[in-house]
Amino acid sequence: MKLLPLVLTAMFLLVSHQDKTPGQEPSAAAAVPRPAIAAIVDAYRAYRIVGLGDAHGNQQGEAFQLALIRDPGFRAVVDDVLVESGNSRYQDVVDRFVNGENLAPEALQRIWLDTTQQQVASLEIPELFTTVRALNASARPDERLRILLGEPPIEWERLKTADEYKAWEAQPTSSRDRFAVELLQREVLSKNRRAVAFYGAGHFFRKVVSQSIVTILEGSGTKVFTIWTNAAMELASVQRDVQSWPVPSLAVIRGTTLGRTGLAAYLGPNAGGVPPQWLAPMEDQFDAVLYLGPLSTMTLARPQPWRCAEPALPERVRRANLLRPGLGDRIKAQCVE
């Protein structure tokens, strides 16, 4: 287990879990920004798990994740990085890669290609993986970061029909959130380690239709510090001084104007219909909001279309059609010559 910094930011910890007085509704205060990376490092004084929820494809969010793991203060206290898109069947492969072993590209690709997320499958090695490998190259063995692959170990070669896929998906062991929790309990909590989880924000909701990583963990007694990466609401429309906040900033939102604002506003005008269970004040969903700049600076990266001649494309199309009828056909139609 890595050691924590000696300095404790007491105000940060108190505000993050201050409770309302029964029968009273205190007036909302202005959220106070802190340097984002320092605030996340401080959170590990009270939490073993930090969930950094992202908006998939948001380039500013992905850049912040890389900046976070590059930070020496973060690496001094955090042991593991849990990622959403990675088939846990290949945990030994990613362990070998980030610890410096040279592996064939096709062996590495199976980590992120053999998942249930065929709609965003990429042939490129994730920058997160290469960054961790580079950082570990100059670190002592006990200082190295480990990447944990969060998806259940699906075996695509055994699934031939949509019914077979649905039967696999219906198994309790195939629940993506449940699997991630069991992985954290086995590889992080039981070993007295600390982890950051990089997942889509929906996996960290506290007000949910059924369950999330956070509701399962907190239901078993493990508190999680959760962060919403803002990419769809102009925060300054709710709290005017946000426009002068440094980038990146992190603000704990319990009891603040940003916290009292409903999740629907954070999802933005193009969010579409969402389950009513989600429509709670943001402070009931997340502990903090990560500010990466005004909406005018946000950019979204779409997955690159595959070449029509790519040898792996037919298998990707087959899998996608098992996931959702017609999905693979749409992927094939988008390939480029």
Protein backbone atom coordinates (compact mmCIF):
# COMPACT_ATOMS: atom_id res chain seq x y z
CA MET A 1 0.00 0.00 0.00
CA LYS A 2 1.32 3.46 -0.83
CA LEU A 3 1.62 6.15 1.82
CA LEU A 4 -0.60 9.22 1.94
CA PRO A 5 0.64 12.82 2.11
CA LEU A 6 0.99 14.18 5.61
CA VAL A 7 -1.18 17.24 4.98
CA LEU A 8 -4.92 16.74 5.47
CA THR A 9 -7.28 19.29 3.98
CA ALA A 10 -9.85 19.12 6.75
CA MET A 11 -12.35 21.50 5.23
CA PHE A 12 -12.53 19.42 2.06
CA LEU A 13 -13.34 16.25 3.99
CA LEU A 14 -15.92 17.87 6.25
CA VAL A 15 -17.80 19.53 3.42
CA SER A 16 -17.82 16.37 1.30
CA HIS A 17 -20.12 14.58 3.72
CA GLN A 18 -21.84 17.28 5.78
CA ASP A 19 -25.45 16.33 6.50
CA LYS A 20 -28.56 18.45 6.50
CA THR A 21 -30.13 19.16 9.87
CA PRO A 22 -33.38 17.14 10.15
CA GLY A 23 -36.37 19.27 9.35
CA GLN A 24 -34.28 22.10 7.93
CA GLU A 25 -33.19 23.00 4.43
CA PRO A 26 -30.15 25.30 4.70
CA SER A 27 -29.67 27.91 2.03
CA ALA A 28 -27.39 26.89 -0.81
CA ALA A 29 -23.86 28.23 -0.73
CA ALA A 30 -21.59 28.87 -3.66
CA ALA A 31 -19.44 25.89 -4.62
CA VAL A 32 -15.74 26.54 -3.99
CA PRO A 33 -13.19 25.38 -6.57
CA ARG A 34 -9.96 23.63 -5.66
CA PRO A 35 -7.07 22.53 -7.85
CA ALA A 36 -8.53 19.31 -9.22
CA ILE A 37 -5.65 16.89 -8.86
CA ALA A 38 -4.76 18.04 -5.33
CA ALA A 39 -8.41 17.70 -4.31
CA ILE A 40 -8.60 14.14 -5.63
CA VAL A 41 -5.39 13.18 -3.85
CA ASP A 42 -6.80 14.63 -0.61
CA ALA A 43 -9.95 12.54 -1.03
CA TYR A 44 -7.92 9.38 -0.46
CA ARG A 45 -7.48 10.45 3.16
CA ALA A 46 -11.09 9.36 3.70
CA TYR A 47 -11.83 7.03 0.78
CA ARG A 48 -10.20 3.96 -0.71
CA ILE A 49 -12.09 4.27 -4.00
CA VAL A 50 -12.59 7.38 -6.15
CA GLY A 51 -14.98 7.13 -9.09
CA LEU A 52 -14.21 9.63 -11.85
CA GLY A 53 -17.26 9.56 -14.10
CA ASP A 54 -16.70 10.69 -17.64
CA ALA A 55 -18.70 11.58 -20.71
CA HIS A 56 -17.46 9.01 -23.23
CA GLY A 57 -15.42 10.65 -25.97
CA ASN A 58 -14.90 13.97 -24.18
CA GLN A 59 -11.33 14.83 -25.06
CA GLN A 60 -10.80 17.23 -22.16
CA GLY A 61 -11.93 14.54 -19.73
CA GLU A 62 -9.56 11.97 -21.23
CA ALA A 63 -6.68 14.46 -21.09
CA PHE A 64 -7.41 15.11 -17.41
CA GLN A 65 -7.33 11.39 -16.63
CA LEU A 66 -3.86 11.16 -18.16
CA ALA A 67 -2.70 14.26 -16.27
CA LEU A 68 -4.03 12.73 -13.05
CA ILE A 69 -2.09 9.47 -13.34
CA ARG A 70 1.06 11.35 -14.37
CA ASP A 71 0.96 13.42 -11.19
CA PRO A 72 3.58 12.25 -8.66
CA GLY A 73 1.28 13.05 -5.72
CA PHE A 74 -1.44 10.84 -7.17
CA ARG A 75 0.94 7.96 -7.84
CA ALA A 76 2.24 8.23 -4.28
CA VAL A 77 -1.14 7.24 -2.85
CA VAL A 78 -2.99 5.28 -5.56
CA ASP A 79 -2.19 1.71 -6.56
CA ASP A 80 -4.76 0.72 -9.18
CA VAL A 81 -6.65 2.18 -12.14
CA LEU A 82 -9.91 0.41 -12.94
CA VAL A 83 -11.02 0.86 -16.55
CA GLU A 84 -14.44 0.17 -17.99
CA SER A 85 -13.52 -1.13 -21.43
CA GLY A 86 -11.20 -4.09 -21.01
CA ASN A 87 -11.96 -7.81 -21.00
CA SER A 88 -10.78 -9.15 -17.63
CA ARG A 89 -10.01 -12.44 -19.35
CA TYR A 90 -6.76 -10.75 -20.38
CA GLN A 91 -5.74 -9.29 -17.03
CA ASP A 92 -2.43 -11.13 -17.19
CA VAL A 93 -1.75 -9.60 -20.61
CA VAL A 94 -2.22 -6.01 -19.45
CA ASP A 95 -0.19 -6.73 -16.30
CA ARG A 96 2.71 -7.93 -18.42
CA PHE A 97 2.44 -4.98 -20.82
CA VAL A 98 2.36 -2.18 -18.23
CA ASN A 99 5.31 -3.81 -16.45
CA GLY A 100 7.46 -3.56 -19.56
CA GLU A 101 7.05 -6.81 -21.50
CA ASN A 102 6.94 -6.47 -25.28
CA LEU A 103 3.83 -8.16 -26.66
CA ALA A 104 2.44 -8.69 -30.13
CA PRO A 105 -0.13 -6.04 -31.13
CA GLU A 106 -2.81 -8.67 -31.79
CA ALA A 107 -2.42 -10.00 -28.24
CA LEU A 108 -2.88 -6.52 -26.80
CA GLN A 109 -5.84 -5.68 -29.02
CA ARG A 110 -7.91 -8.50 -27.59
CA ILE A 111 -8.02 -6.62 -24.28
CA TRP A 112 -10.21 -3.83 -25.63
CA LEU A 113 -11.62 -5.48 -28.76
CA ASP A 114 -13.09 -8.54 -27.00
CA THR A 115 -15.63 -6.57 -24.95
CA THR A 116 -19.36 -5.95 -25.17
CA GLN A 117 -18.64 -2.39 -26.34
CA GLN A 118 -18.31 -3.19 -30.04
CA GLN A 119 -19.89 0.11 -31.03
CA VAL A 120 -16.73 1.94 -29.87
CA ALA A 121 -14.11 -0.73 -30.62
CA SER A 122 -10.79 0.71 -31.75
CA LEU A 123 -7.69 -0.85 -33.24
CA GLU A 124 -5.47 1.70 -31.49
CA ILE A 125 -3.86 0.95 -28.16
CA PRO A 126 -5.42 3.21 -25.48
CA GLU A 127 -3.11 6.04 -24.47
CA LEU A 128 -3.86 5.24 -20.84
CA PHE A 129 -2.13 1.88 -21.26
CA THR A 130 1.01 3.30 -22.87
CA THR A 131 1.15 6.10 -20.29
CA VAL A 132 1.03 3.67 -17.36
CA ARG A 133 3.69 1.53 -19.03
CA ALA A 134 5.97 4.55 -19.44
CA LEU A 135 5.46 5.65 -15.83
CA ASN A 136 6.12 2.16 -14.49
CA ALA A 137 9.37 1.90 -16.43
CA SER A 138 11.05 4.34 -14.04
CA ALA A 139 9.25 3.26 -10.86
CA ARG A 140 10.17 0.73 -8.20
CA PRO A 141 8.04 -2.44 -8.30
CA ASP A 142 6.07 -1.33 -5.22
CA GLU A 143 5.36 2.06 -6.82
CA ARG A 144 3.99 0.79 -10.11
CA LEU A 145 0.40 1.45 -11.12
CA ARG A 146 -1.74 -1.53 -12.03
CA ILE A 147 -4.54 -1.36 -14.60
CA LEU A 148 -7.56 -3.47 -13.67
CA LEU A 149 -9.83 -4.57 -16.51
CA GLY A 150 -13.44 -4.08 -15.46
CA GLU A 151 -15.51 -6.09 -17.93
CA PRO A 152 -16.63 -9.67 -17.19
CA PRO A 153 -14.58 -12.29 -19.09
CA ILE A 154 -16.80 -12.80 -22.11
CA GLU A 155 -15.69 -15.54 -24.53
CA TRP A 156 -16.95 -14.41 -27.91
CA GLU A 157 -15.79 -17.55 -29.68
CA ARG A 158 -18.39 -19.54 -27.68
CA LEU A 159 -21.31 -17.25 -28.55
CA LYS A 160 -22.79 -18.02 -31.96
CA THR A 161 -26.36 -16.66 -31.76
CA ALA A 162 -28.18 -13.70 -30.25
CA ASP A 163 -29.96 -16.09 -27.88
CA GLU A 164 -26.63 -17.41 -26.64
CA TYR A 165 -25.45 -13.86 -26.02
CA LYS A 166 -28.66 -13.02 -24.13
CA ALA A 167 -28.23 -16.15 -22.00
CA TRP A 168 -24.66 -15.09 -21.15
CA GLU A 169 -25.79 -11.54 -20.39
CA ALA A 170 -28.54 -12.80 -18.07
CA GLN A 171 -26.08 -14.60 -15.81
CA PRO A 172 -25.37 -12.81 -12.49
CA THR A 173 -21.65 -13.07 -13.20
CA SER A 174 -22.14 -11.04 -16.39
CA SER A 175 -23.33 -7.89 -14.61
CA ARG A 176 -20.75 -5.25 -15.46
CA ASP A 177 -21.31 -3.24 -12.27
CA ARG A 178 -21.41 -6.31 -10.03
CA PHE A 179 -18.24 -7.67 -11.64
CA ALA A 180 -16.42 -4.35 -11.17
CA VAL A 181 -17.38 -4.31 -7.49
CA GLU A 182 -16.17 -7.87 -6.92
CA LEU A 183 -12.92 -6.99 -8.68
CA LEU A 184 -12.43 -3.95 -6.44
CA GLN A 185 -13.21 -5.97 -3.34
CA ARG A 186 -10.79 -8.76 -4.31
CA GLU A 187 -7.88 -6.81 -5.81
CA VAL A 188 -8.08 -3.46 -4.00
CA LEU A 189 -10.01 -3.46 -0.73
CA SER A 190 -8.92 -6.88 0.56
CA LYS A 191 -5.28 -5.93 -0.13
CA ASN A 192 -5.51 -2.52 1.58
CA ARG A 193 -4.87 -0.73 -1.70
CA ARG A 194 -6.47 2.36 -3.26
CA ALA A 195 -7.96 2.77 -6.72
CA VAL A 196 -9.41 5.26 -9.13
CA ALA A 197 -12.17 4.03 -11.44
CA PHE A 198 -12.52 5.59 -14.89
CA TYR A 199 -16.07 4.76 -16.00
CA GLY A 200 -19.02 6.37 -17.69
CA ALA A 201 -20.75 8.56 -15.12
CA GLY A 202 -23.90 6.42 -15.06
CA HIS A 203 -22.00 3.65 -13.27
CA PHE A 204 -21.59 5.95 -10.25
CA PHE A 205 -25.16 7.18 -9.77
CA ARG A 206 -26.60 6.84 -6.28
CA LYS A 207 -30.20 7.26 -7.46
CA VAL A 208 -30.59 4.49 -10.02
CA VAL A 209 -33.12 2.19 -11.66
CA SER A 210 -31.55 -0.96 -10.20
CA GLN A 211 -27.93 -0.75 -9.06
CA SER A 212 -24.58 0.84 -9.83
CA ILE A 213 -20.99 0.32 -8.79
CA VAL A 214 -21.52 2.89 -6.05
CA THR A 215 -24.82 1.57 -4.71
CA ILE A 216 -23.36 -1.96 -4.45
CA LEU A 217 -20.14 -0.81 -2.77
CA GLU A 218 -21.82 1.58 -0.39
CA GLY A 219 -24.49 -0.99 0.38
CA SER A 220 -21.72 -3.24 1.66
CA GLY A 221 -20.10 -0.50 3.73
CA THR A 222 -17.44 0.94 1.39
CA LYS A 223 -17.86 4.67 0.80
CA VAL A 224 -16.89 5.98 -2.62
CA PHE A 225 -15.94 9.55 -3.53
CA THR A 226 -17.67 10.25 -6.83
CA ILE A 227 -16.90 12.94 -9.38
CA TRP A 228 -19.00 14.17 -12.29
CA THR A 229 -16.95 15.43 -15.24
CA ASN A 230 -18.99 18.33 -16.58
CA ALA A 231 -19.30 18.35 -20.35
CA ALA A 232 -22.92 19.31 -21.12
CA MET A 233 -24.08 22.10 -18.77
CA GLU A 234 -22.74 25.64 -18.62
CA LEU A 235 -21.96 25.75 -14.91
CA ALA A 236 -21.76 29.55 -14.98
CA SER A 237 -25.48 29.66 -15.81
CA VAL A 238 -26.11 28.35 -12.29
CA GLN A 239 -23.18 29.92 -10.43
CA ARG A 240 -21.83 32.98 -12.23
CA ASP A 241 -18.32 32.98 -10.80
CA VAL A 242 -17.57 29.57 -12.35
CA GLN A 243 -16.49 31.45 -15.48
CA SER A 244 -13.43 32.65 -13.54
CA TRP A 245 -12.53 29.24 -12.07
CA PRO A 246 -9.09 27.86 -12.94
CA VAL A 247 -9.02 24.89 -15.29
CA PRO A 248 -9.09 22.18 -14.10
CA SER A 249 -11.01 22.71 -10.84
CA LEU A 250 -12.94 20.37 -8.58
CA ALA A 251 -15.74 21.48 -6.28
CA VAL A 252 -17.52 19.50 -3.57
CA ILE A 253 -21.21 20.24 -4.11
CA ARG A 254 -23.17 19.13 -1.04
CA GLY A 255 -25.24 22.10 0.16
CA THR A 256 -24.26 24.30 -2.79
CA THR A 257 -26.12 25.84 -5.68
CA LEU A 258 -24.46 23.38 -8.05
CA GLY A 259 -25.44 20.52 -5.76
CA ARG A 260 -29.09 21.55 -5.56
CA THR A 261 -29.33 21.75 -9.35
CA GLY A 262 -31.03 18.70 -10.83
CA LEU A 263 -29.21 16.06 -12.83
CA ALA A 264 -31.42 16.81 -15.86
CA ALA A 265 -29.70 20.18 -16.25
CA TYR A 266 -26.25 18.56 -16.13
CA LEU A 267 -27.22 16.13 -18.87
CA GLY A 268 -27.83 19.02 -21.26
CA PRO A 269 -30.56 19.73 -23.79
CA ASN A 270 -29.72 16.75 -26.01
CA ALA A 271 -29.86 14.10 -23.31
CA GLY A 272 -33.24 12.72 -24.40
CA GLY A 273 -35.53 10.79 -22.10
CA VAL A 274 -33.93 9.55 -18.89
CA PRO A 275 -35.35 7.29 -16.18
CA PRO A 276 -37.20 9.31 -13.53
CA GLN A 277 -35.07 7.67 -10.82
CA TRP A 278 -32.08 9.62 -12.13
CA LEU A 279 -33.74 13.02 -11.85
CA ALA A 280 -32.44 13.94 -8.42
CA PRO A 281 -30.43 16.95 -7.25
CA MET A 282 -26.83 16.48 -8.31
CA GLU A 283 -25.69 16.39 -4.67
CA ASP A 284 -27.70 13.19 -4.25
CA GLN A 285 -25.95 11.63 -7.23
CA PHE A 286 -22.33 12.80 -6.94
CA ASP A 287 -19.99 14.27 -4.34
CA ALA A 288 -18.11 16.67 -6.59
CA VAL A 289 -18.04 18.25 -10.03
CA LEU A 290 -14.93 18.45 -12.19
CA TYR A 291 -14.74 21.68 -14.21
CA LEU A 292 -12.65 21.52 -17.37
CA GLY A 293 -13.73 24.80 -18.93
CA PRO A 294 -16.79 26.35 -20.57
CA LEU A 295 -18.82 24.33 -23.05
CA SER A 296 -17.32 26.27 -25.94
CA THR A 297 -14.00 24.53 -25.25
CA MET A 298 -15.39 20.99 -25.02
CA THR A 299 -14.58 18.64 -27.90
CA LEU A 300 -15.92 15.17 -28.57
CA ALA A 301 -13.92 12.48 -30.32
CA ARG A 302 -15.90 9.91 -32.28
CA PRO A 303 -14.48 6.41 -32.83
CA GLN A 304 -12.62 6.21 -36.10
CA PRO A 305 -14.34 4.08 -38.76
CA TRP A 306 -12.50 0.90 -39.65
CA ARG A 307 -11.10 0.12 -43.08
CA CYS A 308 -13.41 -2.14 -45.05
CA ALA A 309 -10.42 -4.43 -45.71
CA GLU A 310 -9.57 -4.78 -42.01
CA PRO A 311 -9.36 -8.55 -41.31
CA ALA A 312 -10.99 -8.14 -37.89
CA LEU A 313 -14.04 -6.27 -39.23
CA PRO A 314 -16.24 -9.32 -40.07
CA GLU A 315 -15.91 -10.64 -36.51
CA ARG A 316 -16.69 -7.21 -35.09
CA VAL A 317 -19.80 -7.03 -37.27
CA ARG A 318 -20.88 -10.49 -36.14
CA ARG A 319 -20.54 -9.61 -32.48
CA ALA A 320 -22.31 -6.29 -32.85
CA ASN A 321 -25.29 -7.96 -34.51
CA LEU A 322 -25.53 -10.32 -31.53
CA LEU A 323 -25.58 -7.32 -29.21
CA ARG A 324 -28.32 -5.48 -31.11
CA PRO A 325 -29.97 -6.46 -34.38
CA GLY A 326 -28.60 -4.32 -37.18
CA LEU A 327 -25.81 -2.72 -35.14
CA GLY A 328 -23.10 -4.64 -36.94
CA ASP A 329 -24.61 -3.85 -40.32
CA ARG A 330 -24.46 -0.14 -39.49
CA ILE A 331 -20.84 -0.47 -38.41
CA LYS A 332 -20.00 -2.23 -41.68
CA ALA A 333 -21.77 0.46 -43.69
CA GLN A 334 -19.53 3.08 -42.06
CA CYS A 335 -16.24 1.43 -43.01
CA VAL A 336 -13.86 3.33 -45.26
CA GLU A 337 -11.84 2.18 -48.28
